[in-house]
Full PDB file with SEQRES, HELIX, SHEET, SSBOND, CRYST1, ORIGX, SCALE, CONECT and MASTER records, all heavy atoms in Angstrom:
SEQRES   1 A   40  GLY GLY SER LEU ARG LEU SER CYS ALA ALA SER GLY ARG          
SEQRES   2 A   40  THR PHE SER SER LEU ALA MET GLY TRP PHE ARG GLN ALA          
SEQRES   3 A   40  PRO GLY LYS GLU ARG GLU PHE VAL ALA ALA ILE ARG TRP          
SEQRES   4 A   40  SER                                                          
HELIX    1 AA1 PHE A   15  SER A   17  5                                   3    
SHEET    1 AA1 2 MET A  20  ARG A  24  0                                        
SHEET    2 AA1 2 GLU A  32  ILE A  37 -1                                        
CRYST1    1.000    1.000    1.000  90.00  90.00  90.00 P 1           1          
ORIGX1      1.000000  0.000000  0.000000        0.00000                         
ORIGX2      0.000000  1.000000  0.000000        0.00000                         
ORIGX3      0.000000  0.000000  1.000000        0.00000                         
SCALE1      1.000000  0.000000  0.000000        0.00000                         
SCALE2      0.000000  1.000000  0.000000        0.00000                         
SCALE3      0.000000  0.000000  1.000000        0.00000                         
ATOM      1  N   GLY A   1       0.792  -1.216   0.000  1.00  0.00           N  
ATOM      2  CA  GLY A   1       0.000   0.000   0.000  1.00  0.00           C  
ATOM      3  C   GLY A   1       0.827   1.269   0.000  1.00  0.00           C  
ATOM      4  O   GLY A   1       0.292   2.366  -0.212  1.00  0.00           O  
ATOM      5  N   GLY A   2       2.116   1.134   0.233  1.00  0.00           N  
ATOM      6  CA  GLY A   2       3.002   2.286   0.278  1.00  0.00           C  
ATOM      7  C   GLY A   2       3.470   2.725  -1.091  1.00  0.00           C  
ATOM      8  O   GLY A   2       3.035   2.192  -2.123  1.00  0.00           O  
ATOM      9  N   SER A   3       4.376   3.704  -1.084  1.00  0.00           N  
ATOM     10  CA  SER A   3       4.873   4.290  -2.331  1.00  0.00           C  
ATOM     11  C   SER A   3       6.391   4.388  -2.317  1.00  0.00           C  
ATOM     12  O   SER A   3       7.011   4.487  -1.251  1.00  0.00           O  
ATOM     13  CB  SER A   3       4.290   5.702  -2.521  1.00  0.00           C  
ATOM     14  OG  SER A   3       2.897   5.673  -2.624  1.00  0.00           O  
ATOM     15  N   LEU A   4       6.948   4.363  -3.505  1.00  0.00           N  
ATOM     16  CA  LEU A   4       8.367   4.621  -3.702  1.00  0.00           C  
ATOM     17  C   LEU A   4       8.526   5.358  -5.018  1.00  0.00           C  
ATOM     18  O   LEU A   4       7.698   5.191  -5.926  1.00  0.00           O  
ATOM     19  CB  LEU A   4       9.180   3.316  -3.783  1.00  0.00           C  
ATOM     20  CG  LEU A   4       9.556   2.578  -2.500  1.00  0.00           C  
ATOM     21  CD1 LEU A   4      10.240   1.268  -2.847  1.00  0.00           C  
ATOM     22  CD2 LEU A   4      10.424   3.431  -1.604  1.00  0.00           C  
ATOM     23  N   ARG A   5       9.582   6.152  -5.121  1.00  0.00           N  
ATOM     24  CA  ARG A   5       9.913   6.771  -6.398  1.00  0.00           C  
ATOM     25  C   ARG A   5      11.326   6.373  -6.779  1.00  0.00           C  
ATOM     26  O   ARG A   5      12.278   6.665  -6.050  1.00  0.00           O  
ATOM     27  CB  ARG A   5       9.799   8.292  -6.349  1.00  0.00           C  
ATOM     28  CG  ARG A   5       9.955   8.909  -7.732  1.00  0.00           C  
ATOM     29  CD  ARG A   5       9.752  10.397  -7.775  1.00  0.00           C  
ATOM     30  NE  ARG A   5      10.933  11.144  -7.373  1.00  0.00           N  
ATOM     31  CZ  ARG A   5      11.190  12.386  -7.759  1.00  0.00           C  
ATOM     32  NH1 ARG A   5      10.342  13.016  -8.559  1.00  0.00           N  
ATOM     33  NH2 ARG A   5      12.269  13.001  -7.335  1.00  0.00           N  
ATOM     34  N   LEU A   6      11.433   5.716  -7.912  1.00  0.00           N  
ATOM     35  CA  LEU A   6      12.729   5.351  -8.454  1.00  0.00           C  
ATOM     36  C   LEU A   6      13.221   6.446  -9.387  1.00  0.00           C  
ATOM     37  O   LEU A   6      12.427   7.075 -10.084  1.00  0.00           O  
ATOM     38  CB  LEU A   6      12.653   4.031  -9.211  1.00  0.00           C  
ATOM     39  CG  LEU A   6      12.096   2.831  -8.454  1.00  0.00           C  
ATOM     40  CD1 LEU A   6      12.163   1.585  -9.346  1.00  0.00           C  
ATOM     41  CD2 LEU A   6      12.814   2.607  -7.153  1.00  0.00           C  
ATOM     42  N   SER A   7      14.520   6.628  -9.398  1.00  0.00           N  
ATOM     43  CA  SER A   7      15.152   7.579 -10.305  1.00  0.00           C  
ATOM     44  C   SER A   7      16.223   6.853 -11.104  1.00  0.00           C  
ATOM     45  O   SER A   7      16.821   5.891 -10.627  1.00  0.00           O  
ATOM     46  CB  SER A   7      15.805   8.727  -9.537  1.00  0.00           C  
ATOM     47  OG  SER A   7      14.862   9.446  -8.791  1.00  0.00           O  
ATOM     48  N   CYS A   8      16.456   7.339 -12.299  1.00  0.00           N  
ATOM     49  CA  CYS A   8      17.526   6.797 -13.138  1.00  0.00           C  
ATOM     50  C   CYS A   8      18.232   7.972 -13.795  1.00  0.00           C  
ATOM     51  O   CYS A   8      17.630   8.675 -14.610  1.00  0.00           O  
ATOM     52  CB  CYS A   8      16.966   5.847 -14.182  1.00  0.00           C  
ATOM     53  SG  CYS A   8      18.168   5.297 -15.404  1.00  0.00           S  
ATOM     54  N   ALA A   9      19.480   8.164 -13.428  1.00  0.00           N  
ATOM     55  CA  ALA A   9      20.279   9.253 -13.981  1.00  0.00           C  
ATOM     56  C   ALA A   9      21.091   8.738 -15.156  1.00  0.00           C  
ATOM     57  O   ALA A   9      21.766   7.702 -15.042  1.00  0.00           O  
ATOM     58  CB  ALA A   9      21.196   9.819 -12.910  1.00  0.00           C  
ATOM     59  N   ALA A  10      21.027   9.453 -16.264  1.00  0.00           N  
ATOM     60  CA  ALA A  10      21.726   9.051 -17.480  1.00  0.00           C  
ATOM     61  C   ALA A  10      22.872  10.000 -17.786  1.00  0.00           C  
ATOM     62  O   ALA A  10      22.786  11.202 -17.507  1.00  0.00           O  
ATOM     63  CB  ALA A  10      20.756   9.010 -18.649  1.00  0.00           C  
ATOM     64  N   SER A  11      23.915   9.459 -18.381  1.00  0.00           N  
ATOM     65  CA  SER A  11      25.047  10.269 -18.834  1.00  0.00           C  
ATOM     66  C   SER A  11      25.662   9.607 -20.051  1.00  0.00           C  
ATOM     67  O   SER A  11      25.408   8.434 -20.329  1.00  0.00           O  
ATOM     68  CB  SER A  11      26.087  10.415 -17.722  1.00  0.00           C  
ATOM     69  OG  SER A  11      26.595   9.157 -17.341  1.00  0.00           O  
ATOM     70  N   GLY A  12      26.449  10.392 -20.776  1.00  0.00           N  
ATOM     71  CA  GLY A  12      27.170   9.862 -21.919  1.00  0.00           C  
ATOM     72  C   GLY A  12      26.542  10.166 -23.259  1.00  0.00           C  
ATOM     73  O   GLY A  12      27.167   9.943 -24.298  1.00  0.00           O  
ATOM     74  N   ARG A  13      25.329  10.670 -23.254  1.00  0.00           N  
ATOM     75  CA  ARG A  13      24.643  10.987 -24.503  1.00  0.00           C  
ATOM     76  C   ARG A  13      23.572  12.007 -24.186  1.00  0.00           C  
ATOM     77  O   ARG A  13      23.043  12.051 -23.066  1.00  0.00           O  
ATOM     78  CB  ARG A  13      24.013   9.728 -25.099  1.00  0.00           C  
ATOM     79  CG  ARG A  13      23.568   9.879 -26.539  1.00  0.00           C  
ATOM     80  CD  ARG A  13      23.042   8.565 -27.075  1.00  0.00           C  
ATOM     81  NE  ARG A  13      22.646   8.652 -28.467  1.00  0.00           N  
ATOM     82  CZ  ARG A  13      23.396   8.271 -29.477  1.00  0.00           C  
ATOM     83  NH1 ARG A  13      24.595   7.753 -29.253  1.00  0.00           N  
ATOM     84  NH2 ARG A  13      22.971   8.377 -30.704  1.00  0.00           N  
ATOM     85  N   THR A  14      23.205  12.814 -25.172  1.00  0.00           N  
ATOM     86  CA  THR A  14      22.135  13.779 -24.963  1.00  0.00           C  
ATOM     87  C   THR A  14      20.857  13.054 -24.557  1.00  0.00           C  
ATOM     88  O   THR A  14      20.335  12.234 -25.319  1.00  0.00           O  
ATOM     89  CB  THR A  14      21.884  14.595 -26.237  1.00  0.00           C  
ATOM     90  OG1 THR A  14      23.097  15.251 -26.606  1.00  0.00           O  
ATOM     91  CG2 THR A  14      20.790  15.614 -26.007  1.00  0.00           C  
ATOM     92  N   PHE A  15      20.383  13.358 -23.351  1.00  0.00           N  
ATOM     93  CA  PHE A  15      19.285  12.585 -22.778  1.00  0.00           C  
ATOM     94  C   PHE A  15      18.029  12.658 -23.636  1.00  0.00           C  
ATOM     95  O   PHE A  15      17.298  11.680 -23.766  1.00  0.00           O  
ATOM     96  CB  PHE A  15      19.006  13.091 -21.361  1.00  0.00           C  
ATOM     97  CG  PHE A  15      18.024  12.260 -20.606  1.00  0.00           C  
ATOM     98  CD1 PHE A  15      18.280  10.926 -20.340  1.00  0.00           C  
ATOM     99  CD2 PHE A  15      16.829  12.807 -20.154  1.00  0.00           C  
ATOM    100  CE1 PHE A  15      17.378  10.147 -19.636  1.00  0.00           C  
ATOM    101  CE2 PHE A  15      15.917  12.040 -19.457  1.00  0.00           C  
ATOM    102  CZ  PHE A  15      16.184  10.707 -19.192  1.00  0.00           C  
ATOM    103  N   SER A  16      17.780  13.812 -24.235  1.00  0.00           N  
ATOM    104  CA  SER A  16      16.559  13.964 -25.031  1.00  0.00           C  
ATOM    105  C   SER A  16      16.623  13.182 -26.343  1.00  0.00           C  
ATOM    106  O   SER A  16      15.626  13.146 -27.075  1.00  0.00           O  
ATOM    107  CB  SER A  16      16.284  15.443 -25.310  1.00  0.00           C  
ATOM    108  OG  SER A  16      17.364  16.019 -26.017  1.00  0.00           O  
ATOM    109  N   SER A  17      17.739  12.566 -26.642  1.00  0.00           N  
ATOM    110  CA  SER A  17      17.831  11.715 -27.831  1.00  0.00           C  
ATOM    111  C   SER A  17      17.455  10.270 -27.519  1.00  0.00           C  
ATOM    112  O   SER A  17      17.473   9.415 -28.412  1.00  0.00           O  
ATOM    113  CB  SER A  17      19.253  11.747 -28.403  1.00  0.00           C  
ATOM    114  OG  SER A  17      20.170  11.081 -27.547  1.00  0.00           O  
ATOM    115  N   LEU A  18      17.103  10.002 -26.267  1.00  0.00           N  
ATOM    116  CA  LEU A  18      16.824   8.643 -25.815  1.00  0.00           C  
ATOM    117  C   LEU A  18      15.367   8.467 -25.417  1.00  0.00           C  
ATOM    118  O   LEU A  18      14.786   9.341 -24.772  1.00  0.00           O  
ATOM    119  CB  LEU A  18      17.684   8.298 -24.600  1.00  0.00           C  
ATOM    120  CG  LEU A  18      19.197   8.431 -24.754  1.00  0.00           C  
ATOM    121  CD1 LEU A  18      19.870   8.293 -23.397  1.00  0.00           C  
ATOM    122  CD2 LEU A  18      19.715   7.390 -25.726  1.00  0.00           C  
ATOM    123  N   ALA A  19      14.807   7.320 -25.762  1.00  0.00           N  
ATOM    124  CA  ALA A  19      13.595   6.865 -25.106  1.00  0.00           C  
ATOM    125  C   ALA A  19      14.038   6.021 -23.914  1.00  0.00           C  
ATOM    126  O   ALA A  19      15.130   5.466 -23.911  1.00  0.00           O  
ATOM    127  CB  ALA A  19      12.745   6.032 -26.051  1.00  0.00           C  
ATOM    128  N   MET A  20      13.183   5.953 -22.915  1.00  0.00           N  
ATOM    129  CA  MET A  20      13.571   5.263 -21.686  1.00  0.00           C  
ATOM    130  C   MET A  20      12.505   4.262 -21.257  1.00  0.00           C  
ATOM    131  O   MET A  20      11.317   4.447 -21.522  1.00  0.00           O  
ATOM    132  CB  MET A  20      13.774   6.274 -20.560  1.00  0.00           C  
ATOM    133  CG  MET A  20      14.830   7.338 -20.846  1.00  0.00           C  
ATOM    134  SD  MET A  20      16.472   6.661 -21.074  1.00  0.00           S  
ATOM    135  CE  MET A  20      16.807   6.009 -19.436  1.00  0.00           C  
ATOM    136  N   GLY A  21      12.957   3.241 -20.566  1.00  0.00           N  
ATOM    137  CA  GLY A  21      12.026   2.246 -20.072  1.00  0.00           C  
ATOM    138  C   GLY A  21      12.426   1.747 -18.698  1.00  0.00           C  
ATOM    139  O   GLY A  21      13.566   1.926 -18.265  1.00  0.00           O  
ATOM    140  N   TRP A  22      11.465   1.164 -18.021  1.00  0.00           N  
ATOM    141  CA  TRP A  22      11.694   0.471 -16.755  1.00  0.00           C  
ATOM    142  C   TRP A  22      11.241  -0.979 -16.921  1.00  0.00           C  
ATOM    143  O   TRP A  22      10.164  -1.244 -17.467  1.00  0.00           O  
ATOM    144  CB  TRP A  22      10.908   1.109 -15.612  1.00  0.00           C  
ATOM    145  CG  TRP A  22      11.443   2.409 -15.128  1.00  0.00           C  
ATOM    146  CD1 TRP A  22      11.023   3.656 -15.478  1.00  0.00           C  
ATOM    147  CD2 TRP A  22      12.493   2.607 -14.180  1.00  0.00           C  
ATOM    148  NE1 TRP A  22      11.746   4.617 -14.815  1.00  0.00           N  
ATOM    149  CE2 TRP A  22      12.654   3.996 -14.000  1.00  0.00           C  
ATOM    150  CE3 TRP A  22      13.323   1.751 -13.444  1.00  0.00           C  
ATOM    151  CZ2 TRP A  22      13.602   4.550 -13.138  1.00  0.00           C  
ATOM    152  CZ3 TRP A  22      14.256   2.297 -12.578  1.00  0.00           C  
ATOM    153  CH2 TRP A  22      14.397   3.683 -12.427  1.00  0.00           C  
ATOM    154  N   PHE A  23      12.061  -1.864 -16.436  1.00  0.00           N  
ATOM    155  CA  PHE A  23      11.757  -3.287 -16.403  1.00  0.00           C  
ATOM    156  C   PHE A  23      11.982  -3.782 -14.981  1.00  0.00           C  
ATOM    157  O   PHE A  23      12.603  -3.096 -14.166  1.00  0.00           O  
ATOM    158  CB  PHE A  23      12.671  -4.063 -17.362  1.00  0.00           C  
ATOM    159  CG  PHE A  23      12.317  -3.901 -18.805  1.00  0.00           C  
ATOM    160  CD1 PHE A  23      12.572  -2.707 -19.475  1.00  0.00           C  
ATOM    161  CD2 PHE A  23      11.725  -4.929 -19.517  1.00  0.00           C  
ATOM    162  CE1 PHE A  23      12.241  -2.548 -20.808  1.00  0.00           C  
ATOM    163  CE2 PHE A  23      11.393  -4.786 -20.854  1.00  0.00           C  
ATOM    164  CZ  PHE A  23      11.657  -3.599 -21.501  1.00  0.00           C  
ATOM    165  N   ARG A  24      11.506  -4.975 -14.698  1.00  0.00           N  
ATOM    166  CA  ARG A  24      11.768  -5.565 -13.389  1.00  0.00           C  
ATOM    167  C   ARG A  24      11.948  -7.069 -13.534  1.00  0.00           C  
ATOM    168  O   ARG A  24      11.470  -7.685 -14.481  1.00  0.00           O  
ATOM    169  CB  ARG A  24      10.624  -5.261 -12.413  1.00  0.00           C  
ATOM    170  CG  ARG A  24       9.296  -5.902 -12.767  1.00  0.00           C  
ATOM    171  CD  ARG A  24       8.210  -5.376 -11.826  1.00  0.00           C  
ATOM    172  NE  ARG A  24       6.919  -6.000 -12.107  1.00  0.00           N  
ATOM    173  CZ  ARG A  24       5.777  -5.638 -11.517  1.00  0.00           C  
ATOM    174  NH1 ARG A  24       5.769  -4.649 -10.616  1.00  0.00           N  
ATOM    175  NH2 ARG A  24       4.649  -6.256 -11.811  1.00  0.00           N  
ATOM    176  N   GLN A  25      12.647  -7.626 -12.555  1.00  0.00           N  
ATOM    177  CA  GLN A  25      12.889  -9.056 -12.559  1.00  0.00           C  
ATOM    178  C   GLN A  25      12.812  -9.575 -11.139  1.00  0.00           C  
ATOM    179  O   GLN A  25      13.588  -9.165 -10.269  1.00  0.00           O  
ATOM    180  CB  GLN A  25      14.249  -9.382 -13.164  1.00  0.00           C  
ATOM    181  CG  GLN A  25      14.479 -10.863 -13.368  1.00  0.00           C  
ATOM    182  CD  GLN A  25      15.673 -11.153 -14.267  1.00  0.00           C  
ATOM    183  OE1 GLN A  25      16.521 -10.288 -14.501  1.00  0.00           O  
ATOM    184  NE2 GLN A  25      15.720 -12.361 -14.802  1.00  0.00           N  
ATOM    185  N   ALA A  26      11.855 -10.467 -10.916  1.00  0.00           N  
ATOM    186  CA  ALA A  26      11.699 -11.118  -9.622  1.00  0.00           C  
ATOM    187  C   ALA A  26      12.504 -12.413  -9.613  1.00  0.00           C  
ATOM    188  O   ALA A  26      12.785 -12.977 -10.681  1.00  0.00           O  
ATOM    189  CB  ALA A  26      10.231 -11.397  -9.356  1.00  0.00           C  
ATOM    190  N   PRO A  27      12.862 -12.914  -8.442  1.00  0.00           N  
ATOM    191  CA  PRO A  27      13.644 -14.158  -8.373  1.00  0.00           C  
ATOM    192  C   PRO A  27      12.949 -15.299  -9.101  1.00  0.00           C  
ATOM    193  O   PRO A  27      11.750 -15.528  -8.902  1.00  0.00           O  
ATOM    194  CB  PRO A  27      13.729 -14.424  -6.870  1.00  0.00           C  
ATOM    195  CG  PRO A  27      13.589 -13.096  -6.238  1.00  0.00           C  
ATOM    196  CD  PRO A  27      12.646 -12.329  -7.117  1.00  0.00           C  
ATOM    197  N   GLY A  28      13.689 -15.977  -9.956  1.00  0.00           N  
ATOM    198  CA  GLY A  28      13.160 -17.121 -10.677  1.00  0.00           C  
ATOM    199  C   GLY A  28      12.252 -16.777 -11.839  1.00  0.00           C  
ATOM    200  O   GLY A  28      11.673 -17.678 -12.452  1.00  0.00           O  
ATOM    201  N   LYS A  29      12.136 -15.494 -12.138  1.00  0.00           N  
ATOM    202  CA  LYS A  29      11.261 -15.078 -13.223  1.00  0.00           C  
ATOM    203  C   LYS A  29      12.048 -14.318 -14.283  1.00  0.00           C  
ATOM    204  O   LYS A  29      13.149 -13.825 -14.025  1.00  0.00           O  
ATOM    205  CB  LYS A  29      10.127 -14.203 -12.696  1.00  0.00           C  
ATOM    206  CG  LYS A  29       9.164 -14.937 -11.778  1.00  0.00           C  
ATOM    207  CD  LYS A  29       7.960 -14.073 -11.457  1.00  0.00           C  
ATOM    208  CE  LYS A  29       6.946 -14.830 -10.618  1.00  0.00           C  
ATOM    209  NZ  LYS A  29       5.740 -14.012 -10.334  1.00  0.00           N  
ATOM    210  N   GLU A  30      11.452 -14.199 -15.464  1.00  0.00           N  
ATOM    211  CA  GLU A  30      12.082 -13.448 -16.531  1.00  0.00           C  
ATOM    212  C   GLU A  30      11.907 -11.951 -16.306  1.00  0.00           C  
ATOM    213  O   GLU A  30      10.985 -11.509 -15.616  1.00  0.00           O  
ATOM    214  CB  GLU A  30      11.478 -13.848 -17.883  1.00  0.00           C  
ATOM    215  CG  GLU A  30      11.799 -15.272 -18.294  1.00  0.00           C  
ATOM    216  CD  GLU A  30      11.346 -15.558 -19.713  1.00  0.00           C  
ATOM    217  OE1 GLU A  30      10.693 -14.694 -20.315  1.00  0.00           O  
ATOM    218  OE2 GLU A  30      11.635 -16.660 -20.195  1.00  0.00           O  
ATOM    219  N   ARG A  31      12.793 -11.184 -16.907  1.00  0.00           N  
ATOM    220  CA  ARG A  31      12.672  -9.735 -16.843  1.00  0.00           C  
ATOM    221  C   ARG A  31      11.403  -9.326 -17.582  1.00  0.00           C  
ATOM    222  O   ARG A  31      11.125  -9.811 -18.684  1.00  0.00           O  
ATOM    223  CB  ARG A  31      13.898  -9.085 -17.471  1.00  0.00           C  
ATOM    224  CG  ARG A  31      14.015  -7.609 -17.227  1.00  0.00           C  
ATOM    225  CD  ARG A  31      15.371  -7.087 -17.640  1.00  0.00           C  
ATOM    226  NE  ARG A  31      16.449  -7.684 -16.850  1.00  0.00           N  
ATOM    227  CZ  ARG A  31      17.698  -7.247 -16.850  1.00  0.00           C  
ATOM    228  NH1 ARG A  31      18.035  -6.191 -17.594  1.00  0.00           N  
ATOM    229  NH2 ARG A  31      18.613  -7.847 -16.122  1.00  0.00           N  
ATOM    230  N   GLU A  32      10.634  -8.422 -16.969  1.00  0.00           N  
ATOM    231  CA  GLU A  32       9.373  -8.024 -17.581  1.00  0.00           C  
ATOM    232  C   GLU A  32       9.270  -6.508 -17.701  1.00  0.00           C  
ATOM    233  O   GLU A  32       9.804  -5.753 -16.875  1.00  0.00           O  
ATOM    234  CB  GLU A  32       8.169  -8.561 -16.787  1.00  0.00           C  
ATOM    235  CG  GLU A  32       8.022  -8.002 -15.401  1.00  0.00           C  
ATOM    236  CD  GLU A  32       6.715  -8.432 -14.736  1.00  0.00           C  
ATOM    237  OE1 GLU A  32       5.913  -9.160 -15.360  1.00  0.00           O  
ATOM    238  OE2 GLU A  32       6.497  -8.018 -13.587  1.00  0.00           O  
ATOM    239  N   PHE A  33       8.561  -6.093 -18.711  1.00  0.00           N  
ATOM    240  CA  PHE A  33       8.333  -4.683 -18.987  1.00  0.00           C  
ATOM    241  C   PHE A  33       7.437  -4.064 -17.909  1.00  0.00           C  
ATOM    242  O   PHE A  33       6.470  -4.686 -17.467  1.00  0.00           O  
ATOM    243  CB  PHE A  33       7.674  -4.546 -20.353  1.00  0.00           C  
ATOM    244  CG  PHE A  33       7.168  -3.164 -20.660  1.00  0.00           C  
ATOM    245  CD1 PHE A  33       8.042  -2.135 -20.968  1.00  0.00           C  
ATOM    246  CD2 PHE A  33       5.803  -2.907 -20.643  1.00  0.00           C  
ATOM    247  CE1 PHE A  33       7.578  -0.868 -21.255  1.00  0.00           C  
ATOM    248  CE2 PHE A  33       5.325  -1.648 -20.935  1.00  0.00           C  
ATOM    249  CZ  PHE A  33       6.207  -0.621 -21.238  1.00  0.00           C  
ATOM    250  N   VAL A  34       7.779  -2.839 -17.521  1.00  0.00           N  
ATOM    251  CA  VAL A  34       6.964  -2.096 -16.561  1.00  0.00           C  
ATOM    252  C   VAL A  34       6.377  -0.845 -17.215  1.00  0.00           C  
ATOM    253  O   VAL A  34       5.162  -0.641 -17.199  1.00  0.00           O  
ATOM    254  CB  VAL A  34       7.792  -1.702 -15.326  1.00  0.00           C  
ATOM    255  CG1 VAL A  34       6.970  -0.824 -14.384  1.00  0.00           C  
ATOM    256  CG2 VAL A  34       8.299  -2.942 -14.592  1.00  0.00           C  
ATOM    257  N   ALA A  35       7.241   0.000 -17.779  1.00  0.00           N  
ATOM    258  CA  ALA A  35       6.779   1.260 -18.350  1.00  0.00           C  
ATOM    259  C   ALA A  35       7.831   1.801 -19.312  1.00  0.00           C  
ATOM    260  O   ALA A  35       9.010   1.449 -19.218  1.00  0.00           O  
ATOM    261  CB  ALA A  35       6.502   2.279 -17.252  1.00  0.00           C  
ATOM    262  N   ALA A  36       7.386   2.664 -20.228  1.00  0.00           N  
ATOM    263  CA  ALA A  36       8.308   3.293 -21.169  1.00  0.00           C  
ATOM    264  C   ALA A  36       7.816   4.695 -21.489  1.00  0.00           C  
ATOM    265  O   ALA A  36       6.618   5.000 -21.352  1.00  0.00           O  
ATOM    266  CB  ALA A  36       8.431   2.461 -22.445  1.00  0.00           C  
ATOM    267  N   ILE A  37       8.749   5.534 -21.933  1.00  0.00           N  
ATOM    268  CA  ILE A  37       8.419   6.914 -22.234  1.00  0.00           C  
ATOM    269  C   ILE A  37       9.264   7.382 -23.414  1.00  0.00           C  
ATOM    270  O   ILE A  37      10.453   7.088 -23.506  1.00  0.00           O  
ATOM    271  CB  ILE A  37       8.650   7.796 -20.989  1.00  0.00           C  
ATOM    272  CG1 ILE A  37       8.154   9.215 -21.202  1.00  0.00           C  
ATOM    273  CG2 ILE A  37      10.130   7.785 -20.566  1.00  0.00           C  
ATOM    274  CD1 ILE A  37       8.077  10.028 -19.900  1.00  0.00           C  
ATOM    275  N   ARG A  38       8.644   8.114 -24.332  1.00  0.00           N  
ATOM    276  CA  ARG A  38       9.370   8.656 -25.461  1.00  0.00           C  
ATOM    277  C   ARG A  38      10.231   9.846 -25.048  1.00  0.00           C  
ATOM    278  O   ARG A  38      10.126  10.342 -23.935  1.00  0.00           O  
ATOM    279  CB  ARG A  38       8.385   9.071 -26.556  1.00  0.00           C  
ATOM    280  CG  ARG A  38       7.734   7.897 -27.239  1.00  0.00           C  
ATOM    281  CD  ARG A  38       6.850   8.357 -28.373  1.00  0.00           C  
ATOM    282  NE  ARG A  38       6.308   7.221 -29.111  1.00  0.00           N  
ATOM    283  CZ  ARG A  38       5.461   7.324 -30.121  1.00  0.00           C  
ATOM    284  NH1 ARG A  38       5.066   8.521 -30.524  1.00  0.00           N  
ATOM    285  NH2 ARG A  38       5.030   6.251 -30.735  1.00  0.00           N  
ATOM    286  N   TRP A  39      11.047  10.299 -25.970  1.00  0.00           N  
ATOM    287  CA  TRP A  39      12.050  11.317 -25.648  1.00  0.00           C  
ATOM    288  C   TRP A  39      11.445  12.594 -25.068  1.00  0.00           C  
ATOM    289  O   TRP A  39      12.023  13.220 -24.184  1.00  0.00           O  
ATOM    290  CB  TRP A  39      12.868  11.640 -26.894  1.00  0.00           C  
ATOM    291  CG  TRP A  39      12.076  12.386 -27.938  1.00  0.00           C  
ATOM    292  CD1 TRP A  39      11.240  11.862 -28.883  1.00  0.00           C  
ATOM    293  CD2 TRP A  39      12.027  13.807 -28.105  1.00  0.00           C  
ATOM    294  NE1 TRP A  39      10.683  12.855 -29.624  1.00  0.00           N  
ATOM    295  CE2 TRP A  39      11.134  14.058 -29.181  1.00  0.00           C  
ATOM    296  CE3 TRP A  39      12.633  14.874 -27.466  1.00  0.00           C  
ATOM    297  CZ2 TRP A  39      10.860  15.346 -29.622  1.00  0.00           C  
ATOM    298  CZ3 TRP A  39      12.362  16.169 -27.902  1.00  0.00           C  
ATOM    299  CH2 TRP A  39      11.486  16.385 -28.965  1.00  0.00           C  
ATOM    300  N   SER A  40      10.280  12.986 -25.558  1.00  0.00           N  
ATOM    301  CA  SER A  40       9.669  14.243 -25.122  1.00  0.00           C  
ATOM    302  C   SER A  40       8.832  14.084 -23.865  1.00  0.00           C  
ATOM    303  O   SER A  40       8.419  15.081 -23.264  1.00  0.00           O  
ATOM    304  CB  SER A  40       8.789  14.793 -26.233  1.00  0.00           C  
ATOM    305  OG  SER A  40       7.693  13.915 -26.450  1.00  0.00           O  
TER     306      SER A  40                                                      
MASTER        0    0    0    1    2    0    0    6  305    1    0    4          
END                                                                             
């Protein structure tokens, strides 16, 4: 029922040239898609 905010800091390339995504992987399971966002 609680909340958390994850952050991901990027470097090495102009950030606005990248689309970004979040995935997750639980023990014994495959990595799964969570969310994605376009450059803008």
